[in-house]
Protein backbone atom coordinates (compact mmCIF):
# COMPACT_ATOMS: atom_id res chain seq x y z
CA MET A 1 10.24 46.17 72.81
CA LYS A 2 7.50 45.61 70.45
CA LEU A 3 3.97 44.45 72.05
CA PRO A 4 2.87 40.96 70.68
CA LEU A 5 -0.71 42.17 69.87
CA PRO A 6 -2.64 40.97 66.78
CA LEU A 7 -3.23 43.37 64.14
CA LYS A 8 -6.82 43.65 64.92
CA SER A 9 -6.64 44.68 68.54
CA THR A 10 -7.07 48.02 70.35
CA VAL A 11 -5.03 49.13 73.52
CA LYS A 12 -7.48 50.47 75.84
CA ALA A 13 -6.04 51.26 79.40
CA LEU A 14 -3.36 50.46 81.80
CA VAL A 15 -4.02 49.31 85.58
CA GLN A 16 -1.77 48.13 88.04
CA GLY A 17 0.97 47.33 85.50
CA LYS A 18 -1.57 45.45 83.38
CA LEU A 19 -2.12 46.71 79.65
CA ALA A 20 -5.79 45.94 78.59
CA PHE A 21 -6.78 45.62 75.12
CA THR A 22 -9.69 44.30 73.07
CA LEU A 23 -9.68 42.01 69.95
CA GLU A 24 -11.53 42.83 66.61
CA GLU A 25 -10.88 39.13 65.50
CA GLY A 26 -10.14 35.70 66.99
CA TRP A 27 -6.58 35.24 68.09
CA PRO A 28 -5.77 31.68 68.55
CA ALA A 29 -2.07 32.26 69.45
CA GLY A 30 -3.54 34.12 72.57
CA ASN A 31 -6.20 31.60 73.16
CA LEU A 32 -8.65 34.66 72.67
CA GLN A 33 -11.73 35.24 70.82
CA GLU A 34 -13.30 38.04 68.79
CA GLY A 35 -14.76 40.79 71.21
CA ASP A 36 -12.60 39.78 74.25
CA LEU A 37 -10.95 42.07 76.61
CA ALA A 38 -7.63 40.76 77.64
CA ALA A 39 -4.46 42.15 79.22
CA TYR A 40 -0.72 41.70 79.52
CA ASP A 41 1.32 41.80 82.69
CA LEU A 42 3.94 44.23 81.43
CA ALA A 43 6.73 43.45 84.01
CA ALA A 44 6.36 39.79 83.22
CA LEU A 45 6.33 40.38 79.70
CA LYS A 46 9.47 42.54 79.94
CA ALA A 47 11.15 39.62 81.95
CA ASP A 48 10.39 36.83 79.77
CA PRO A 49 8.53 37.64 76.59
CA ASP A 50 8.56 34.12 75.13
CA ARG A 51 6.42 32.70 77.98
CA THR A 52 4.14 35.39 78.92
CA THR A 53 0.62 35.09 77.59
CA PRO A 54 -2.28 37.42 77.66
CA GLN A 55 -4.91 37.06 80.35
CA LEU A 56 -8.65 36.92 79.73
CA ILE A 57 -10.48 39.76 81.64
CA LEU A 58 -13.80 39.70 80.25
CA ARG A 59 -15.66 37.63 77.54
CA PRO A 60 -18.94 39.17 76.46
CA GLY A 61 -21.89 36.79 76.21
CA PRO A 62 -23.59 36.45 72.97
CA ARG A 63 -25.83 39.25 73.54
CA GLU A 64 -23.24 41.50 75.23
CA SER A 65 -20.60 43.82 73.95
CA ILE A 66 -17.85 45.99 75.43
CA GLU A 67 -18.53 49.60 74.36
CA GLU A 68 -15.79 51.40 76.38
CA VAL A 69 -12.89 50.86 78.62
CA ALA A 70 -10.97 53.34 81.03
CA SER A 71 -9.02 53.07 84.27
CA THR A 72 -8.69 54.78 87.58
CA ARG A 73 -6.07 54.41 90.28
CA SER A 74 -6.61 50.72 90.81
CA LYS A 75 -9.59 49.80 88.80
CA LEU A 76 -10.22 48.97 85.25
CA LEU A 77 -13.64 50.39 84.00
CA VAL A 78 -15.85 48.69 81.51
CA ALA A 79 -19.14 49.85 79.93
CA LEU A 80 -20.75 46.75 78.97
CA TYR A 81 -24.03 46.71 76.93
CA GLU A 82 -26.19 43.77 77.85
CA ASN A 83 -29.00 43.31 75.15
CA VAL A 84 -28.15 46.88 74.21
CA LYS A 85 -28.79 48.40 77.68
CA GLY A 86 -25.76 49.97 79.52
CA ALA A 87 -23.98 48.87 82.66
CA ILE A 88 -20.58 49.97 84.40
CA PHE A 89 -18.45 47.45 85.80
CA ALA A 90 -15.31 47.88 88.09
CA VAL A 91 -12.82 45.18 87.25
CA GLU A 92 -9.64 44.54 89.42
CA PRO A 93 -6.54 42.11 88.70
CA LYS A 94 -6.19 39.40 91.30
CA VAL A 95 -3.44 36.73 91.36
CA ASP A 96 -5.03 34.35 88.88
CA ALA A 97 -8.15 36.15 87.55
CA TRP A 98 -9.97 39.34 87.29
CA THR A 99 -12.94 40.12 89.51
CA ARG A 100 -15.56 42.51 88.47
CA THR A 101 -18.38 44.51 90.45
CA ARG A 102 -21.34 46.11 88.68
CA LEU A 103 -22.06 49.68 89.69
CA ASP A 104 -25.82 48.74 90.18
CA GLN A 105 -27.04 52.10 91.69
CA LEU A 106 -26.73 53.74 88.22
CA PRO A 107 -30.16 53.82 86.32
CA GLY A 108 -31.07 50.96 84.12
CA ASP A 109 -32.30 50.56 80.71
CA SER A 110 -30.01 53.43 79.46
CA SER A 111 -26.89 54.39 77.54
CA MET A 112 -23.80 54.81 79.55
CA ASN A 113 -20.41 56.41 78.74
CA ILE A 114 -17.44 57.04 80.79
CA VAL A 115 -16.80 60.64 80.69
CA ALA A 116 -13.91 61.08 82.89
CA ALA A 117 -11.74 58.88 85.23
CA SER A 118 -9.24 59.83 87.79
CA ASP A 119 -5.91 58.31 87.94
CA ARG A 120 -5.66 59.64 91.58
CA SER A 121 -8.50 57.89 93.05
CA ASP A 122 -11.07 55.33 92.13
CA GLN A 123 -13.77 57.98 91.12
CA LEU A 124 -15.24 58.38 87.58
CA ILE A 125 -17.92 60.57 86.05
CA VAL A 126 -20.67 58.51 83.95
CA SER A 127 -22.97 60.01 81.24
CA VAL A 128 -26.21 58.28 81.32
CA ALA A 129 -29.31 58.85 78.91
CA SER A 130 -32.44 57.13 77.66
CA PHE A 131 -35.13 57.71 75.10
CA LEU A 132 -37.35 59.37 77.90
CA THR A 133 -34.62 60.79 80.31
CA PRO A 134 -32.17 63.67 79.24
CA THR A 135 -28.38 63.37 79.66
CA THR A 136 -27.46 63.13 83.18
CA LEU A 137 -24.01 63.11 84.59
CA TRP A 138 -23.23 60.84 87.74
CA LEU A 139 -20.17 60.67 90.05
CA ALA A 140 -19.33 57.19 90.74
CA ASP A 141 -16.78 55.32 93.00
CA GLY A 142 -15.42 52.30 91.53
CA ALA A 143 -14.05 50.91 94.94
CA THR A 144 -17.22 51.49 96.98
CA GLY A 145 -19.79 51.35 94.07
CA GLY A 146 -21.53 54.46 95.31
CA VAL A 147 -23.11 57.05 92.99
CA GLU A 148 -24.12 60.59 93.15
CA ARG A 149 -26.25 62.38 90.64
CA LEU A 150 -24.51 65.70 89.72
CA LYS A 151 -26.35 67.45 87.06
CA ALA A 152 -28.81 66.79 84.00
CA LEU A 153 -29.83 68.52 80.92
CA ALA A 154 -33.42 70.23 80.99
CA PRO A 155 -36.05 67.96 79.50
CA ARG A 156 -37.18 68.98 76.13
CA PHE A 157 -40.53 67.18 75.93
CA ASP A 158 -43.17 65.69 78.30
CA ALA A 159 -42.39 62.11 78.68
CA SER A 160 -44.63 61.44 81.71
CA ASN A 161 -47.27 59.62 79.58
CA HIS A 162 -44.76 57.43 77.52
CA LEU A 163 -43.05 54.11 78.16
CA VAL A 164 -40.14 52.23 76.60
CA GLU A 165 -40.55 48.61 75.64
CA GLN A 166 -37.98 46.19 74.05
CA PHE A 167 -38.99 43.25 71.91
CA GLU A 168 -37.27 40.66 69.57
CA ALA A 169 -38.04 39.91 66.03
CA ALA A 170 -36.92 36.56 64.08
CA SER A 171 -34.98 37.32 61.07
CA LYS A 172 -35.17 35.23 58.08
CA ASP A 173 -32.38 33.18 59.29
CA GLY A 174 -33.78 32.85 62.69
CA THR A 175 -31.68 35.21 64.28
CA LYS A 176 -33.12 37.33 67.16
CA ILE A 177 -33.32 41.10 66.43
CA PRO A 178 -33.94 43.28 69.39
CA TYR A 179 -35.84 46.58 69.00
CA PHE A 180 -37.00 49.45 71.11
CA VAL A 181 -40.54 50.80 71.14
CA VAL A 182 -41.19 54.29 72.78
CA ARG A 183 -45.02 54.91 72.82
CA PRO A 184 -47.76 56.58 74.75
CA LYS A 185 -49.02 54.47 77.88
CA GLY A 186 -52.51 53.16 77.85
CA VAL A 187 -53.36 53.14 74.15
CA ASP A 188 -54.81 49.95 72.78
CA LEU A 189 -52.75 47.93 70.33
CA VAL A 190 -54.88 47.93 67.16
CA GLY A 191 -52.37 48.56 64.52
CA ALA A 192 -53.37 52.33 64.55
CA ALA A 193 -50.25 53.97 66.04
CA PRO A 194 -48.28 56.52 63.73
CA THR A 195 -44.89 54.88 64.00
CA LEU A 196 -41.44 55.98 62.94
CA LEU A 197 -38.94 53.12 62.55
CA TYR A 198 -35.18 54.01 62.66
CA ALA A 199 -32.11 51.96 61.91
CA TYR A 200 -28.48 52.04 60.77
CA GLY A 201 -26.90 48.80 60.40
CA GLY A 202 -23.56 49.26 59.48
CA PHE A 203 -19.79 50.01 60.29
CA GLN A 204 -20.08 48.75 63.69
CA ILE A 205 -22.11 51.70 65.04
CA SER A 206 -24.54 50.77 67.95
CA MET A 207 -27.98 52.12 68.27
CA THR A 208 -28.13 52.42 71.94
CA PRO A 209 -30.90 54.27 73.83
CA TRP A 210 -30.54 58.08 73.36
CA TYR A 211 -32.33 61.17 74.27
CA SER A 212 -33.70 63.43 71.17
CA GLY A 213 -35.61 66.44 72.07
CA ILE A 214 -36.48 66.83 68.45
CA ILE A 215 -38.15 63.38 68.02
CA GLY A 216 -39.69 63.70 71.34
CA LYS A 217 -41.25 67.16 70.61
CA LEU A 218 -42.06 66.71 67.08
CA TRP A 219 -43.35 63.08 67.18
CA ILE A 220 -43.33 61.21 70.61
CA GLU A 221 -45.21 64.11 72.60
CA ARG A 222 -47.83 64.40 69.47
CA GLY A 223 -48.68 60.89 70.14
CA GLY A 224 -46.55 59.22 67.63
CA THR A 225 -44.62 56.02 68.63
CA PHE A 226 -40.82 55.63 67.72
CA VAL A 227 -39.02 52.40 67.12
CA VAL A 228 -35.22 51.77 66.91
CA ALA A 229 -34.17 48.51 65.54
CA ASN A 230 -30.97 46.89 66.37
CA ILE A 231 -30.04 45.17 63.34
CA ARG A 232 -26.77 43.38 62.16
CA GLY A 233 -24.05 45.57 60.80
CA GLY A 234 -23.83 47.67 64.03
CA GLY A 235 -21.90 46.85 67.09
CA GLU A 236 -24.63 46.08 69.58
CA PHE A 237 -23.30 42.59 70.20
CA GLY A 238 -19.66 43.12 69.37
CA PRO A 239 -17.58 42.81 66.22
CA ALA A 240 -19.30 39.56 65.47
CA TRP A 241 -22.79 41.60 64.98
CA HIS A 242 -20.84 43.74 62.53
CA ASN A 243 -19.08 41.06 60.59
CA ALA A 244 -22.52 39.20 60.22
CA GLY A 245 -23.69 42.00 57.83
CA LEU A 246 -20.39 42.53 55.85
CA LYS A 247 -20.11 42.07 52.00
CA GLU A 248 -21.78 39.03 50.84
CA ASN A 249 -23.80 38.94 54.12
CA ARG A 250 -25.36 42.42 53.48
CA GLN A 251 -28.81 41.15 52.84
CA LYS A 252 -29.02 39.91 56.17
CA VAL A 253 -28.88 43.41 57.47
CA TYR A 254 -32.11 44.04 55.25
CA ASP A 255 -33.67 41.09 56.30
CA ASP A 256 -33.44 42.08 59.90
CA PHE A 257 -35.11 45.36 59.24
CA PHE A 258 -37.85 43.69 57.32
CA ALA A 259 -38.33 41.34 60.25
CA VAL A 260 -38.61 44.09 62.78
CA SER A 261 -41.24 45.81 60.51
CA GLU A 262 -43.42 42.74 60.33
CA ASP A 263 -43.09 42.22 63.87
CA LEU A 264 -44.49 45.63 64.59
CA ILE A 265 -47.42 44.89 62.39
CA ALA A 266 -47.89 41.63 63.80
CA ARG A 267 -48.01 42.94 67.42
CA LYS A 268 -50.70 45.42 66.01
CA ILE A 269 -48.35 48.21 67.41
CA THR A 270 -48.86 49.70 63.78
CA SER A 271 -49.88 48.97 60.22
CA PRO A 272 -48.17 49.74 56.87
CA ARG A 273 -50.76 52.41 56.54
CA ARG A 274 -49.21 54.08 59.74
CA LEU A 275 -45.52 52.86 59.42
CA GLY A 276 -42.82 55.24 58.35
CA ILE A 277 -39.05 54.60 58.12
CA MET A 278 -35.98 56.93 58.41
CA GLY A 279 -32.25 56.58 58.04
CA GLY A 280 -29.23 58.39 56.91
CA SER A 281 -25.92 57.77 54.97
CA ASN A 282 -25.62 53.86 55.27
CA GLY A 283 -28.92 53.95 56.83
CA GLY A 284 -30.05 56.05 53.75
CA LEU A 285 -28.85 52.94 51.81
CA LEU A 286 -31.12 50.96 53.94
CA MET A 287 -34.17 53.04 53.31
CA GLY A 288 -33.44 52.73 49.36
CA VAL A 289 -33.36 48.78 49.77
CA ALA A 290 -36.57 48.92 52.04
CA LEU A 291 -38.31 51.13 49.40
CA THR A 292 -37.38 48.75 46.44
CA GLN A 293 -37.65 45.22 48.14
CA ARG A 294 -40.59 45.69 50.51
CA PRO A 295 -42.57 48.88 49.57
CA GLU A 296 -45.82 47.34 50.76
CA PHE A 297 -44.61 47.65 54.44
CA TYR A 298 -44.44 51.44 54.56
CA ASN A 299 -46.35 54.77 53.92
CA ALA A 300 -43.49 57.17 54.44
CA VAL A 301 -39.85 56.83 53.80
CA VAL A 302 -37.11 59.55 54.74
CA ILE A 303 -33.95 58.95 52.79
CA GLN A 304 -31.17 61.13 54.32
CA VAL A 305 -27.89 61.79 52.56
CA PRO A 306 -27.89 58.52 51.27
CA LEU A 307 -25.73 55.99 49.37
CA PHE A 308 -27.86 54.60 46.56
CA ASP A 309 -26.01 53.51 43.28
CA MET A 310 -23.96 50.76 44.67
CA ILE A 311 -22.56 49.49 41.49
CA ARG A 312 -20.82 52.81 41.06
CA TYR A 313 -20.42 53.87 44.50
CA THR A 314 -16.49 53.29 44.39
CA GLN A 315 -16.25 55.78 41.69
CA ILE A 316 -18.30 58.36 43.53
CA GLY A 317 -16.65 60.72 45.97
CA ALA A 318 -15.12 58.82 49.00
CA GLY A 319 -16.98 55.45 48.00
CA ALA A 320 -13.73 53.40 47.24
CA SER A 321 -12.79 53.72 51.12
CA TRP A 322 -15.75 51.42 52.05
CA VAL A 323 -14.90 48.28 49.95
CA GLY A 324 -14.38 46.69 53.35
CA GLU A 325 -17.84 47.26 54.28
CA TYR A 326 -19.90 46.63 51.18
CA GLY A 327 -17.36 44.84 48.81
CA ASP A 328 -15.69 45.82 45.40
CA PRO A 329 -18.24 45.99 42.32
CA ALA A 330 -15.03 45.64 40.30
CA ILE A 331 -14.77 41.95 41.46
CA PRO A 332 -17.30 39.86 39.77
CA ALA A 333 -18.43 37.74 42.83
CA GLU A 334 -18.83 40.72 44.99
CA ARG A 335 -20.66 42.74 42.24
CA ALA A 336 -23.20 39.88 41.92
CA VAL A 337 -23.90 40.40 45.63
CA ILE A 338 -24.27 44.13 45.44
CA GLU A 339 -26.49 44.10 42.20
CA ARG A 340 -29.03 42.10 44.26
CA TYR A 341 -29.88 44.95 46.58
CA SER A 342 -28.57 48.29 45.04
CA PRO A 343 -31.60 50.62 45.14
CA TYR A 344 -30.85 52.65 42.03
CA GLN A 345 -30.61 49.52 39.78
CA LYS A 346 -33.70 48.01 41.53
CA LEU A 347 -36.07 50.90 40.96
CA ARG A 348 -38.81 49.78 38.61
CA ALA A 349 -42.00 50.88 36.93
CA GLY A 350 -45.30 49.85 37.94
CA GLN A 351 -44.53 49.60 41.79
CA ARG A 352 -46.64 50.81 44.49
CA TYR A 353 -43.95 52.89 46.18
CA PRO A 354 -44.92 55.50 48.72
CA GLU A 355 -43.98 59.05 48.08
CA VAL A 356 -40.46 59.47 49.40
CA PHE A 357 -38.54 62.32 50.96
CA LEU A 358 -34.73 62.57 49.83
CA GLU A 359 -32.51 64.98 51.19
CA THR A 360 -28.83 65.72 50.62
CA SER A 361 -25.99 68.54 50.94
CA THR A 362 -24.25 70.07 48.02
CA THR A 363 -21.09 69.98 50.03
CA ASP A 364 -21.56 66.52 51.42
CA ASP A 365 -17.84 65.26 51.38
CA ARG A 366 -18.67 61.86 52.81
CA VAL A 367 -21.47 60.72 50.71
CA HIS A 368 -21.62 62.74 47.60
CA PRO A 369 -24.87 64.23 46.71
CA ALA A 370 -25.04 62.30 43.18
CA HIS A 371 -26.36 59.38 44.93
CA ALA A 372 -29.64 61.41 46.06
CA ARG A 373 -29.68 63.29 42.75
CA LYS A 374 -29.52 60.06 40.78
CA ALA A 375 -32.31 58.63 42.95
CA ALA A 376 -34.67 61.69 42.29
CA ALA A 377 -33.95 61.56 38.49
CA ARG A 378 -34.55 57.87 38.39
CA LEU A 379 -37.93 58.27 40.34
CA ALA A 380 -38.81 61.13 38.07
CA GLU A 381 -38.02 59.04 34.89
CA LEU A 382 -40.29 56.25 36.10
CA GLY A 383 -43.11 58.85 36.83
CA TYR A 384 -43.09 58.58 40.55
CA PRO A 385 -44.09 61.36 43.04
CA TYR A 386 -41.25 62.42 45.41
CA LEU A 387 -39.88 65.14 47.60
CA TYR A 388 -36.38 66.26 47.27
CA TYR A 389 -34.37 68.84 49.43
CA GLU A 390 -30.74 69.79 48.72
CA ASN A 391 -29.20 72.00 51.28
CA MET A 392 -26.04 73.91 49.87
CA GLU A 393 -24.14 73.80 53.01
CA GLY A 394 -23.59 71.63 55.99
CA GLY A 395 -21.39 68.67 54.71
CA HIS A 396 -22.77 65.33 55.66
CA SER A 397 -24.99 66.43 58.37
CA ALA A 398 -26.81 68.77 55.69
CA ALA A 399 -27.00 71.55 57.87
CA ALA A 400 -24.46 74.24 58.60
CA ASN A 401 -26.14 75.79 61.66
CA LEU A 402 -29.01 75.58 63.96
CA ASN A 403 -31.37 77.46 61.77
CA GLN A 404 -30.73 75.13 58.63
CA ALA A 405 -30.94 71.99 61.08
CA ALA A 406 -34.36 73.04 62.34
CA LEU A 407 -35.78 73.52 58.70
CA ILE A 408 -34.79 70.02 57.83
CA ASP A 409 -36.38 68.65 61.04
CA ALA A 410 -39.55 70.65 60.26
CA LEU A 411 -39.82 69.45 56.59
CA GLU A 412 -39.05 65.82 57.92
CA PHE A 413 -41.53 65.76 60.53
CA THR A 414 -44.22 67.83 58.37
CA TYR A 415 -43.85 65.01 55.89
CA LEU A 416 -44.01 62.24 58.32
CA SER A 417 -47.02 63.76 60.15
CA ARG A 418 -49.09 64.24 57.14
CA ARG A 419 -48.15 60.86 55.56
CA LEU A 420 -48.73 58.73 58.75
CA MET A 421 -50.98 61.06 61.14
CA GLY A 422 -53.08 62.36 58.44
CA CYS A 423 -55.05 60.74 55.66
CA GLY A 424 -51.87 59.72 53.81
CA CYS A 425 -52.88 61.65 50.63
CA GLU A 426 -51.69 65.25 51.58
CA GLN A 427 -48.69 66.98 50.12
CA PRO A 428 -46.27 68.44 52.54
């Protein structure tokens, strides 16, 4: 029989005869909301499909999202993010409801992923990482709540003198935007910290804490401050957080980013002289919008494999596949929205743009290099200094091997160091 599930739903796991699924949109017929985790009793559904309704397992709060669902012999396992910090819950069906127990012995303030789960026991393996702690594997028991540290990757930089903080900035419409700050301990907040702000803001991709040996070694260990903004368009708070930045609401994504930038300056963590930004792909589009809408905030802009000409993006490479995210320029009402932020069309003479660093790949089959090339050509036409690097291999990552990746990392952080840690006038 065909399961009576809505179109925008995803089957996640089967436990004790209950089929668990998540909702990417509200479902009035099932009395469920966008982001819910629910289940059908398959035996009841088979016996009487017309009278069997789904049962709610978990409804995330406004600052929560379900990241992952798996199952063991008797438990449903849910990786739930609470204000962008991971937790694992063991959930079990009872007669009239589901009960959940947090595996609270796992480290906090981290990202968590369920790597493996056994259908012969209630054991699972969880991967945990944070900005200052390398990825570590933990063996956990969903029935007892016990955990055991198995192994961890070797640290790639000295994190002993650093701390992680989380703040919120009020966006233009009042929405609270969380962001993480990784910085040295004991440094006075006088607006002097060289700061790199990173964000993505699209396609329901969540920017949860992660460990980067590259950022750690080339930036954090050298005294730099690293910031990750959890702006709308991502999935940090479920499908609603993503949908809030779609199509006609796209400017909200950029307003969120500017709000975080302003908040960093207001808290005296950094200043426009010391603030740089970085983003790739959809995040590269974000960098282009930041450059053209609020250039006074930034002294360095790394634009990686970007979208840039949004008026013609549907006619360049794979662009037509993203109309669900950005809208269709062929539709007048949607084109009018896109025209208000498309970076290529918004570049103007006589502005105080910082010298930017553009990078792309000749073989990028996701975002065509024409976007970065057009951006560079337009900047040159207007007389602005810029840096441009195009790798001939590597696809959307712009690097085909570790040597190429190392070169790009070196170029990026040399540029950032000279712009933000030096006098701001040197050429990389």
